[in-house]
C-alpha atoms as a PDB file:
ATOM      1  CA  UNK A   1     114.808  90.113  97.494  1.00  0.00           C
ATOM      2  CA  UNK A   2     114.677  93.163  95.292  1.00  0.00           C
ATOM      3  CA  UNK A   3     112.602  95.159  97.763  1.00  0.00           C
ATOM      4  CA  UNK A   4     115.217  94.809 100.473  1.00  0.00           C
ATOM      5  CA  UNK A   5     118.285  95.182  98.332  1.00  0.00           C
ATOM      6  CA  UNK A   6     117.251  98.629  97.101  1.00  0.00           C
ATOM      7  CA  UNK A   7     116.563 100.111 100.523  1.00  0.00           C
ATOM      8  CA  UNK A   8     118.590 102.922 102.010  1.00  0.00           C
ATOM      9  CA  UNK A   9     119.002 104.032 105.600  1.00  0.00           C
ATOM     10  CA  UNK A  10     120.122 107.376 107.052  1.00  0.00           C
ATOM     11  CA  UNK A  11     121.513 107.143 110.590  1.00  0.00           C
ATOM     12  CA  UNK A  12     121.653 110.268 112.747  1.00  0.00           C
ATOM     13  CA  UNK A  13     119.939 111.830 115.758  1.00  0.00           C
ATOM     14  CA  UNK A  14     120.234 115.248 114.075  1.00  0.00           C
ATOM     15  CA  UNK A  15     117.001 116.236 112.276  1.00  0.00           C
ATOM     16  CA  UNK A  16     118.813 118.714 110.029  1.00  0.00           C
ATOM     17  CA  UNK A  17     121.221 116.063 108.775  1.00  0.00           C
ATOM     18  CA  UNK A  18     118.430 113.514 108.371  1.00  0.00           C
ATOM     19  CA  UNK A  19     116.237 115.909 106.417  1.00  0.00           C
ATOM     20  CA  UNK A  20     119.092 116.858 104.082  1.00  0.00           C
ATOM     21  CA  UNK A  21     120.359 113.336 103.365  1.00  0.00           C
ATOM     22  CA  UNK A  22     116.944 111.613 103.385  1.00  0.00           C
ATOM     23  CA  UNK A  23     115.422 114.358 101.235  1.00  0.00           C
ATOM     24  CA  UNK A  24     118.244 114.442  98.682  1.00  0.00           C
ATOM     25  CA  UNK A  25     118.142 110.675  98.112  1.00  0.00           C
ATOM     26  CA  UNK A  26     114.323 110.434  98.087  1.00  0.00           C
ATOM     27  CA  UNK A  27     114.077 113.198  95.498  1.00  0.00           C
ATOM     28  CA  UNK A  28     116.229 111.020  93.222  1.00  0.00           C
ATOM     29  CA  UNK A  29     113.799 108.093  93.573  1.00  0.00           C
ATOM     30  CA  UNK A  30     115.476 106.089  96.347  1.00  0.00           C
ATOM     31  CA  UNK A  31     113.563 104.360  99.154  1.00  0.00           C
ATOM     32  CA  UNK A  32     115.031 105.768 102.349  1.00  0.00           C
ATOM     33  CA  UNK A  33     114.291 105.357 106.038  1.00  0.00           C
ATOM     34  CA  UNK A  34     115.871 107.144 108.966  1.00  0.00           C
ATOM     35  CA  UNK A  35     116.873 105.971 112.445  1.00  0.00           C
ATOM     36  CA  UNK A  36     118.650 107.777 115.262  1.00  0.00           C
ATOM     37  CA  UNK A  37     121.200 105.196 116.456  1.00  0.00           C
ATOM     38  CA  UNK A  38     123.712 102.583 115.305  1.00  0.00           C
ATOM     39  CA  UNK A  39     121.856  99.924 117.276  1.00  0.00           C
ATOM     40  CA  UNK A  40     118.564 100.603 115.461  1.00  0.00           C
ATOM     41  CA  UNK A  41     120.354 100.722 112.111  1.00  0.00           C
ATOM     42  CA  UNK A  42     122.132  97.395 112.591  1.00  0.00           C
ATOM     43  CA  UNK A  43     118.911  95.738 113.741  1.00  0.00           C
ATOM     44  CA  UNK A  44     117.046  96.940 110.648  1.00  0.00           C
ATOM     45  CA  UNK A  45     119.768  95.919 108.213  1.00  0.00           C
ATOM     46  CA  UNK A  46     120.163  92.473 109.796  1.00  0.00           C
ATOM     47  CA  UNK A  47     116.391  91.915 109.733  1.00  0.00           C
ATOM     48  CA  UNK A  48     115.585  93.390 106.337  1.00  0.00           C
ATOM     49  CA  UNK A  49     118.716  94.070 104.297  1.00  0.00           C
ATOM     50  CA  UNK A  50     119.788  97.383 102.742  1.00  0.00           C
ATOM     51  CA  UNK A  51     121.786  98.592  99.766  1.00  0.00           C
ATOM     52  CA  UNK A  52     123.041 101.810 101.374  1.00  0.00           C
ATOM     53  CA  UNK A  53     123.675 103.173 104.865  1.00  0.00           C
ATOM     54  CA  UNK A  54     124.578 106.849 105.252  1.00  0.00           C
ATOM     55  CA  UNK A  55     125.674 107.358 108.841  1.00  0.00           C
ATOM     56  CA  UNK A  56     127.148 110.114 110.925  1.00  0.00           C
ATOM     57  CA  UNK A  57     130.409 109.164 112.618  1.00  0.00           C
ATOM     58  CA  UNK A  58     129.286 110.682 115.908  1.00  0.00           C
ATOM     59  CA  UNK A  59     126.198 108.853 117.184  1.00  0.00           C
ATOM     60  CA  UNK A  60     124.693 108.319 120.629  1.00  0.00           C
ATOM     61  CA  UNK A  61     125.849 104.933 121.955  1.00  0.00           C
ATOM     62  CA  UNK A  62     127.809 102.915 119.405  1.00  0.00           C
ATOM     63  CA  UNK A  63     129.684 105.084 116.863  1.00  0.00           C
ATOM     64  CA  UNK A  64     129.240 105.253 113.115  1.00  0.00           C
ATOM     65  CA  UNK A  65     132.686 103.653 112.779  1.00  0.00           C
ATOM     66  CA  UNK A  66     131.588 100.655 114.848  1.00  0.00           C
ATOM     67  CA  UNK A  67     128.332 100.466 112.881  1.00  0.00           C
ATOM     68  CA  UNK A  68     130.349 100.366 109.658  1.00  0.00           C
ATOM     69  CA  UNK A  69     132.542  97.528 110.988  1.00  0.00           C
ATOM     70  CA  UNK A  70     129.450  95.574 112.064  1.00  0.00           C
ATOM     71  CA  UNK A  71     127.686  96.105 108.720  1.00  0.00           C
ATOM     72  CA  UNK A  72     130.744  95.038 106.721  1.00  0.00           C
ATOM     73  CA  UNK A  73     130.777  91.697 108.570  1.00  0.00           C
ATOM     74  CA  UNK A  74     127.315  90.806 107.235  1.00  0.00           C
ATOM     75  CA  UNK A  75     126.941  88.270 104.427  1.00  0.00           C
ATOM     76  CA  UNK A  76     125.471  90.908 102.091  1.00  0.00           C
ATOM     77  CA  UNK A  77     126.917  94.197 103.357  1.00  0.00           C
ATOM     78  CA  UNK A  78     125.476  97.547 102.275  1.00  0.00           C
ATOM     79  CA  UNK A  79     127.468 100.400 100.788  1.00  0.00           C
ATOM     80  CA  UNK A  80     128.429 102.604 103.764  1.00  0.00           C
ATOM     81  CA  UNK A  81     128.948 106.360 103.551  1.00  0.00           C
ATOM     82  CA  UNK A  82     130.396 107.827 106.767  1.00  0.00           C
ATOM     83  CA  UNK A  83     129.802 111.535 107.367  1.00  0.00           C
ATOM     84  CA  UNK A  84     131.969 113.480 109.812  1.00  0.00           C
ATOM     85  CA  UNK A  85     132.515 117.044 110.935  1.00  0.00           C
ATOM     86  CA  UNK A  86     135.088 118.912 108.881  1.00  0.00           C
ATOM     87  CA  UNK A  87     137.066 119.674 112.035  1.00  0.00           C
ATOM     88  CA  UNK A  88     137.768 115.958 112.697  1.00  0.00           C
ATOM     89  CA  UNK A  89     141.156 115.395 111.045  1.00  0.00           C
ATOM     90  CA  UNK A  90     141.376 111.685 111.897  1.00  0.00           C
ATOM     91  CA  UNK A  91     137.932 110.834 110.529  1.00  0.00           C
ATOM     92  CA  UNK A  92     138.922 109.819 106.988  1.00  0.00           C
ATOM     93  CA  UNK A  93     141.560 107.377 108.240  1.00  0.00           C
ATOM     94  CA  UNK A  94     139.212 105.939 110.866  1.00  0.00           C
ATOM     95  CA  UNK A  95     136.462 105.542 108.261  1.00  0.00           C
ATOM     96  CA  UNK A  96     138.819 103.733 105.877  1.00  0.00           C
ATOM     97  CA  UNK A  97     139.951 101.428 108.688  1.00  0.00           C
ATOM     98  CA  UNK A  98     136.288 100.642 109.463  1.00  0.00           C
ATOM     99  CA  UNK A  99     135.725  99.651 105.824  1.00  0.00           C
ATOM    100  CA  UNK A 100     133.617 102.631 104.730  1.00  0.00           C
ATOM    101  CA  UNK A 101     133.065 102.945 100.981  1.00  0.00           C
ATOM    102  CA  UNK A 102     133.061 106.735 101.121  1.00  0.00           C
ATOM    103  CA  UNK A 103     133.521 109.563 103.614  1.00  0.00           C
ATOM    104  CA  UNK A 104     131.939 113.007 103.433  1.00  0.00           C
ATOM    105  CA  UNK A 105     132.724 116.059 105.517  1.00  0.00           C
ATOM    106  CA  UNK A 106     129.963 118.153 106.990  1.00  0.00           C
ATOM    107  CA  UNK A 107     128.745 120.512 105.782  1.00  0.00           C
ATOM    108  CA  UNK A 108     128.210 119.008 102.321  1.00  0.00           C
ATOM    109  CA  UNK A 109     126.018 119.807  99.345  1.00  0.00           C
ATOM    110  CA  UNK A 110     123.110 117.410  98.829  1.00  0.00           C
ATOM    111  CA  UNK A 111     124.151 117.087  95.175  1.00  0.00           C
ATOM    112  CA  UNK A 112     127.591 115.867  96.287  1.00  0.00           C
ATOM    113  CA  UNK A 113     126.057 113.155  98.472  1.00  0.00           C
ATOM    114  CA  UNK A 114     123.845 112.023  95.593  1.00  0.00           C
ATOM    115  CA  UNK A 115     126.785 111.974  93.158  1.00  0.00           C
ATOM    116  CA  UNK A 116     128.939 109.893  95.518  1.00  0.00           C
ATOM    117  CA  UNK A 117     126.085 107.439  96.196  1.00  0.00           C
ATOM    118  CA  UNK A 118     125.336 107.131  92.452  1.00  0.00           C
ATOM    119  CA  UNK A 119     128.948 106.085  91.881  1.00  0.00           C
ATOM    120  CA  UNK A 120     128.622 103.273  94.465  1.00  0.00           C
ATOM    121  CA  UNK A 121     125.161 101.674  94.147  1.00  0.00           C
ATOM    122  CA  UNK A 122     123.297  99.737  91.470  1.00  0.00           C
ATOM    123  CA  UNK A 123     121.413 102.218  89.220  1.00  0.00           C
ATOM    124  CA  UNK A 124     118.138 100.501  90.164  1.00  0.00           C
ATOM    125  CA  UNK A 125     118.586 101.897  93.692  1.00  0.00           C
ATOM    126  CA  UNK A 126     117.364 105.266  92.414  1.00  0.00           C
ATOM    127  CA  UNK A 127     114.268 103.743  90.800  1.00  0.00           C
ATOM    128  CA  UNK A 128     113.184 101.817  93.878  1.00  0.00           C
ATOM    129  CA  UNK A 129     110.467 104.191  95.011  1.00  0.00           C
ATOM    130  CA  UNK A 130     108.655 104.261  91.649  1.00  0.00           C
ATOM    131  CA  UNK A 131     109.718 107.697  90.489  1.00  0.00           C
ATOM    132  CA  UNK A 132     106.377 109.374  89.935  1.00  0.00           C
ATOM    133  CA  UNK A 133     104.332 107.767  92.696  1.00  0.00           C
ATOM    134  CA  UNK A 134     102.702 110.176  95.121  1.00  0.00           C
ATOM    135  CA  UNK A 135     104.006 109.686  98.661  1.00  0.00           C
ATOM    136  CA  UNK A 136     101.956 107.104 100.529  1.00  0.00           C
ATOM    137  CA  UNK A 137     100.529 107.668 104.001  1.00  0.00           C
ATOM    138  CA  UNK A 138     103.471 105.658 105.368  1.00  0.00           C
ATOM    139  CA  UNK A 139     105.955 107.837 103.487  1.00  0.00           C
ATOM    140  CA  UNK A 140     104.354 111.016 104.756  1.00  0.00           C
ATOM    141  CA  UNK A 141     104.435 109.822 108.356  1.00  0.00           C
ATOM    142  CA  UNK A 142     108.057 108.716 107.951  1.00  0.00           C
ATOM    143  CA  UNK A 143     108.940 112.184 106.734  1.00  0.00           C
ATOM    144  CA  UNK A 144     107.597 113.856 109.889  1.00  0.00           C
ATOM    145  CA  UNK A 145     110.785 113.137 111.781  1.00  0.00           C
ATOM    146  CA  UNK A 146     110.545 115.742 114.505  1.00  0.00           C
ATOM    147  CA  UNK A 147     107.940 115.449 117.235  1.00  0.00           C
ATOM    148  CA  UNK A 148     106.259 118.882 117.379  1.00  0.00           C
ATOM    149  CA  UNK A 149     105.475 118.450 121.078  1.00  0.00           C
ATOM    150  CA  UNK A 150     109.081 117.969 122.173  1.00  0.00           C
ATOM    151  CA  UNK A 151     111.145 119.175 119.219  1.00  0.00           C
ATOM    152  CA  UNK A 152     113.042 115.872 119.424  1.00  0.00           C
ATOM    153  CA  UNK A 153     113.889 113.485 116.616  1.00  0.00           C
ATOM    154  CA  UNK A 154     111.758 110.382 116.423  1.00  0.00           C
ATOM    155  CA  UNK A 155     112.182 107.344 114.219  1.00  0.00           C
ATOM    156  CA  UNK A 156     109.399 106.624 111.733  1.00  0.00           C
ATOM    157  CA  UNK A 157     106.565 104.601 113.220  1.00  0.00           C
ATOM    158  CA  UNK A 158     106.347 100.951 112.195  1.00  0.00           C
ATOM    159  CA  UNK A 159     103.246 100.498 110.066  1.00  0.00           C
ATOM    160  CA  UNK A 160     101.609  97.489 108.474  1.00  0.00           C
ATOM    161  CA  UNK A 161     102.014  98.963 105.007  1.00  0.00           C
ATOM    162  CA  UNK A 162     105.704  99.550 105.668  1.00  0.00           C
ATOM    163  CA  UNK A 163     106.155  95.960 106.851  1.00  0.00           C
ATOM    164  CA  UNK A 164     104.598  94.591 103.677  1.00  0.00           C
ATOM    165  CA  UNK A 165     106.844  96.849 101.596  1.00  0.00           C
ATOM    166  CA  UNK A 166     109.908  95.461 103.400  1.00  0.00           C
ATOM    167  CA  UNK A 167     108.794  91.898 102.791  1.00  0.00           C
ATOM    168  CA  UNK A 168     108.412  92.117  99.023  1.00  0.00           C
END
């Protein structure tokens, strides 16, 4: 369905990375969620579909490379952008072997991420959020990605309104 096919997912336990990637794509009108692990990401994409997954190579548990391989085996695989540290010289080759559509080195400019994604996804991806809509309650809660009590990353809470948005 259209609702699912224009979803994007950012995968990282690092709040700085999440805020940069999630923020850059949302500002362009994309519908983006964030999760901290490959396992969560794969579960979401299998259950709901996605057009784009931006993942760090280095994740807790299963790696971004393994996530990419798993996603590319799906019947309707998303575009996958793998992001790695600039010091990792083998990353580009490993990403290509995993089937990634694009690799980016950290640090990167948000505008560069957006430009690379624009070259890979359907143009409707960047209209999926309804460009001028005010953020909903669900969006606002999803954007508070760091728990103030602990300083740790947390995935957005599941909410009824979010579920209905996924199902459209």
